Amino acid sequence: MSDRVTDQAGIDKFGYTWGDARHHAQNTLNASAKDAATFVEDLSAVLGLEPYQIVQATPTDFVDLKNRIAEQ
């Protein structure tokens, strides 16, 4: 079993999964699957974000979130 939060199965209260969050980050950032997965894991573990919050993020939001992670 993985220690990664984002490897957990399930659906959040708005019907999104971690796979949805990774896919959105990958497409929005034009990132590799590995980089998107790492970024989503950081968003969850460091900032406590849920999949629905990540799926709603814009490119500008992702820049801001990346900066918040760096400040931690």
N, C-alpha and C. Protein backbone atom coordinates (compact mmCIF):
# COMPACT_ATOMS: atom_id res chain seq x y z
N MET A 1 0.84 -1.18 0.00
CA MET A 1 0.00 0.00 0.00
C MET A 1 0.88 1.25 0.00
N SER A 2 0.49 2.22 -0.74
CA SER A 2 1.25 3.46 -0.88
C SER A 2 0.99 4.39 0.29
N ASP A 3 1.98 5.20 0.61
CA ASP A 3 1.82 6.22 1.65
C ASP A 3 1.28 7.52 1.08
N ARG A 4 1.17 7.59 -0.23
CA ARG A 4 0.71 8.81 -0.87
C ARG A 4 -0.79 8.98 -0.67
N VAL A 5 -1.19 10.13 -0.19
CA VAL A 5 -2.60 10.45 0.00
C VAL A 5 -3.36 10.32 -1.32
N THR A 6 -2.74 10.78 -2.38
CA THR A 6 -3.43 10.82 -3.66
C THR A 6 -3.52 9.47 -4.36
N ASP A 7 -2.95 8.42 -3.77
CA ASP A 7 -3.12 7.08 -4.31
C ASP A 7 -4.36 6.41 -3.72
N GLN A 8 -4.99 7.05 -2.77
CA GLN A 8 -6.18 6.49 -2.15
C GLN A 8 -7.35 6.55 -3.12
N ALA A 9 -8.14 5.51 -3.10
CA ALA A 9 -9.33 5.47 -3.96
C ALA A 9 -10.46 6.24 -3.27
N GLY A 10 -11.44 6.57 -4.04
CA GLY A 10 -12.60 7.23 -3.48
C GLY A 10 -12.96 8.48 -4.23
N ILE A 11 -14.09 8.99 -3.87
CA ILE A 11 -14.65 10.17 -4.52
C ILE A 11 -14.92 11.21 -3.44
N ASP A 12 -14.56 12.47 -3.72
CA ASP A 12 -14.80 13.51 -2.73
C ASP A 12 -16.27 13.93 -2.76
N LYS A 13 -16.62 14.91 -1.94
CA LYS A 13 -18.03 15.30 -1.78
C LYS A 13 -18.64 15.90 -3.04
N PHE A 14 -17.83 16.25 -4.04
CA PHE A 14 -18.34 16.79 -5.28
C PHE A 14 -18.20 15.81 -6.44
N GLY A 15 -17.78 14.59 -6.14
CA GLY A 15 -17.70 13.56 -7.15
C GLY A 15 -16.38 13.45 -7.90
N TYR A 16 -15.34 14.13 -7.42
CA TYR A 16 -14.03 14.08 -8.08
C TYR A 16 -13.11 13.09 -7.39
N THR A 17 -12.18 12.52 -8.15
CA THR A 17 -11.19 11.60 -7.62
C THR A 17 -9.81 12.24 -7.72
N TRP A 18 -8.83 11.58 -7.10
CA TRP A 18 -7.45 12.07 -7.22
C TRP A 18 -6.98 11.95 -8.66
N GLY A 19 -7.48 10.95 -9.38
CA GLY A 19 -7.16 10.82 -10.80
C GLY A 19 -7.64 12.03 -11.59
N ASP A 20 -8.83 12.52 -11.26
CA ASP A 20 -9.34 13.74 -11.91
C ASP A 20 -8.42 14.92 -11.63
N ALA A 21 -7.97 15.02 -10.39
CA ALA A 21 -7.09 16.13 -9.99
C ALA A 21 -5.76 16.06 -10.73
N ARG A 22 -5.19 14.85 -10.80
CA ARG A 22 -3.92 14.68 -11.52
C ARG A 22 -4.08 15.00 -13.00
N HIS A 23 -5.15 14.54 -13.59
CA HIS A 23 -5.41 14.77 -15.01
C HIS A 23 -5.56 16.28 -15.29
N HIS A 24 -6.30 16.98 -14.44
CA HIS A 24 -6.49 18.43 -14.60
C HIS A 24 -5.15 19.16 -14.49
N ALA A 25 -4.36 18.80 -13.50
CA ALA A 25 -3.06 19.45 -13.32
C ALA A 25 -2.16 19.16 -14.51
N GLN A 26 -2.16 17.94 -14.98
CA GLN A 26 -1.32 17.57 -16.12
C GLN A 26 -1.70 18.38 -17.36
N ASN A 27 -2.99 18.47 -17.64
CA ASN A 27 -3.45 19.20 -18.82
C ASN A 27 -3.26 20.71 -18.68
N THR A 28 -3.57 21.23 -17.52
CA THR A 28 -3.48 22.68 -17.30
C THR A 28 -2.04 23.17 -17.35
N LEU A 29 -1.14 22.37 -16.78
CA LEU A 29 0.26 22.78 -16.69
C LEU A 29 1.11 22.22 -17.83
N ASN A 30 0.49 21.41 -18.69
CA ASN A 30 1.22 20.74 -19.77
C ASN A 30 2.43 20.01 -19.19
N ALA A 31 2.16 19.27 -18.11
CA ALA A 31 3.21 18.57 -17.37
C ALA A 31 3.17 17.08 -17.66
N SER A 32 4.24 16.40 -17.32
CA SER A 32 4.25 14.94 -17.42
C SER A 32 3.31 14.38 -16.36
N ALA A 33 2.91 13.14 -16.56
CA ALA A 33 2.04 12.49 -15.58
C ALA A 33 2.73 12.42 -14.21
N LYS A 34 4.02 12.13 -14.20
CA LYS A 34 4.78 12.05 -12.95
C LYS A 34 4.83 13.40 -12.24
N ASP A 35 5.14 14.47 -12.99
CA ASP A 35 5.21 15.80 -12.38
C ASP A 35 3.85 16.24 -11.85
N ALA A 36 2.79 15.95 -12.61
CA ALA A 36 1.44 16.32 -12.17
C ALA A 36 1.08 15.56 -10.90
N ALA A 37 1.41 14.27 -10.84
CA ALA A 37 1.11 13.47 -9.66
C ALA A 37 1.85 14.00 -8.43
N THR A 38 3.11 14.36 -8.60
CA THR A 38 3.90 14.92 -7.50
C THR A 38 3.31 16.24 -7.03
N PHE A 39 2.93 17.10 -7.97
CA PHE A 39 2.36 18.39 -7.62
C PHE A 39 1.03 18.22 -6.87
N VAL A 40 0.18 17.33 -7.35
CA VAL A 40 -1.10 17.09 -6.68
C VAL A 40 -0.88 16.52 -5.29
N GLU A 41 0.08 15.63 -5.14
CA GLU A 41 0.40 15.09 -3.82
C GLU A 41 0.84 16.21 -2.88
N ASP A 42 1.68 17.12 -3.38
CA ASP A 42 2.11 18.26 -2.56
C ASP A 42 0.93 19.15 -2.19
N LEU A 43 0.03 19.40 -3.14
CA LEU A 43 -1.14 20.22 -2.85
C LEU A 43 -1.99 19.61 -1.74
N SER A 44 -2.09 18.29 -1.76
CA SER A 44 -2.87 17.60 -0.75
C SER A 44 -2.14 17.54 0.59
N ALA A 45 -0.90 17.06 0.56
CA ALA A 45 -0.15 16.84 1.80
C ALA A 45 0.26 18.13 2.49
N VAL A 46 0.69 19.12 1.72
CA VAL A 46 1.21 20.36 2.31
C VAL A 46 0.10 21.37 2.58
N LEU A 47 -0.82 21.51 1.62
CA LEU A 47 -1.86 22.55 1.75
C LEU A 47 -3.22 22.00 2.14
N GLY A 48 -3.37 20.68 2.14
CA GLY A 48 -4.64 20.07 2.56
C GLY A 48 -5.76 20.19 1.54
N LEU A 49 -5.42 20.35 0.27
CA LEU A 49 -6.47 20.50 -0.74
C LEU A 49 -7.09 19.15 -1.09
N GLU A 50 -8.35 19.20 -1.46
CA GLU A 50 -9.12 18.03 -1.89
C GLU A 50 -9.20 18.05 -3.42
N PRO A 51 -9.55 16.90 -4.03
CA PRO A 51 -9.61 16.85 -5.50
C PRO A 51 -10.48 17.94 -6.13
N TYR A 52 -11.65 18.22 -5.56
CA TYR A 52 -12.53 19.22 -6.18
C TYR A 52 -11.88 20.60 -6.20
N GLN A 53 -11.05 20.91 -5.23
CA GLN A 53 -10.38 22.20 -5.20
C GLN A 53 -9.31 22.28 -6.29
N ILE A 54 -8.64 21.18 -6.52
CA ILE A 54 -7.60 21.14 -7.54
C ILE A 54 -8.21 21.18 -8.94
N VAL A 55 -9.31 20.47 -9.14
CA VAL A 55 -9.98 20.45 -10.44
C VAL A 55 -10.48 21.84 -10.83
N GLN A 56 -10.82 22.67 -9.87
CA GLN A 56 -11.31 24.02 -10.14
C GLN A 56 -10.20 25.03 -10.37
N ALA A 57 -8.96 24.66 -10.13
CA ALA A 57 -7.84 25.60 -10.21
C ALA A 57 -7.53 26.00 -11.66
N THR A 58 -7.21 27.28 -11.81
CA THR A 58 -6.79 27.83 -13.09
C THR A 58 -5.26 27.82 -13.15
N PRO A 59 -4.67 28.10 -14.31
CA PRO A 59 -3.21 28.19 -14.37
C PRO A 59 -2.64 29.20 -13.36
N THR A 60 -3.31 30.33 -13.20
CA THR A 60 -2.86 31.34 -12.24
C THR A 60 -2.94 30.79 -10.81
N ASP A 61 -4.03 30.07 -10.52
CA ASP A 61 -4.16 29.45 -9.20
C ASP A 61 -3.00 28.50 -8.93
N PHE A 62 -2.63 27.70 -9.95
CA PHE A 62 -1.55 26.74 -9.77
C PHE A 62 -0.22 27.44 -9.47
N VAL A 63 0.03 28.57 -10.09
CA VAL A 63 1.25 29.33 -9.80
C VAL A 63 1.22 29.80 -8.34
N ASP A 64 0.08 30.34 -7.92
CA ASP A 64 -0.05 30.79 -6.54
C ASP A 64 0.11 29.64 -5.55
N LEU A 65 -0.49 28.50 -5.87
CA LEU A 65 -0.39 27.34 -4.99
C LEU A 65 1.03 26.80 -4.92
N LYS A 66 1.72 26.81 -6.06
CA LYS A 66 3.12 26.37 -6.07
C LYS A 66 3.97 27.27 -5.17
N ASN A 67 3.71 28.58 -5.21
CA ASN A 67 4.43 29.51 -4.35
C ASN A 67 4.11 29.27 -2.88
N ARG A 68 2.86 28.95 -2.57
CA ARG A 68 2.48 28.67 -1.18
C ARG A 68 3.19 27.42 -0.68
N ILE A 69 3.32 26.40 -1.53
CA ILE A 69 4.04 25.19 -1.14
C ILE A 69 5.50 25.52 -0.84
N ALA A 70 6.10 26.35 -1.68
CA ALA A 70 7.51 26.73 -1.51
C ALA A 70 7.74 27.48 -0.19
N GLU A 71 6.73 28.21 0.27
CA GLU A 71 6.84 28.99 1.50
C GLU A 71 6.73 28.10 2.74
N GLN A 72 6.22 26.92 2.61
CA GLN A 72 6.01 26.04 3.78
C GLN A 72 7.31 25.50 4.30
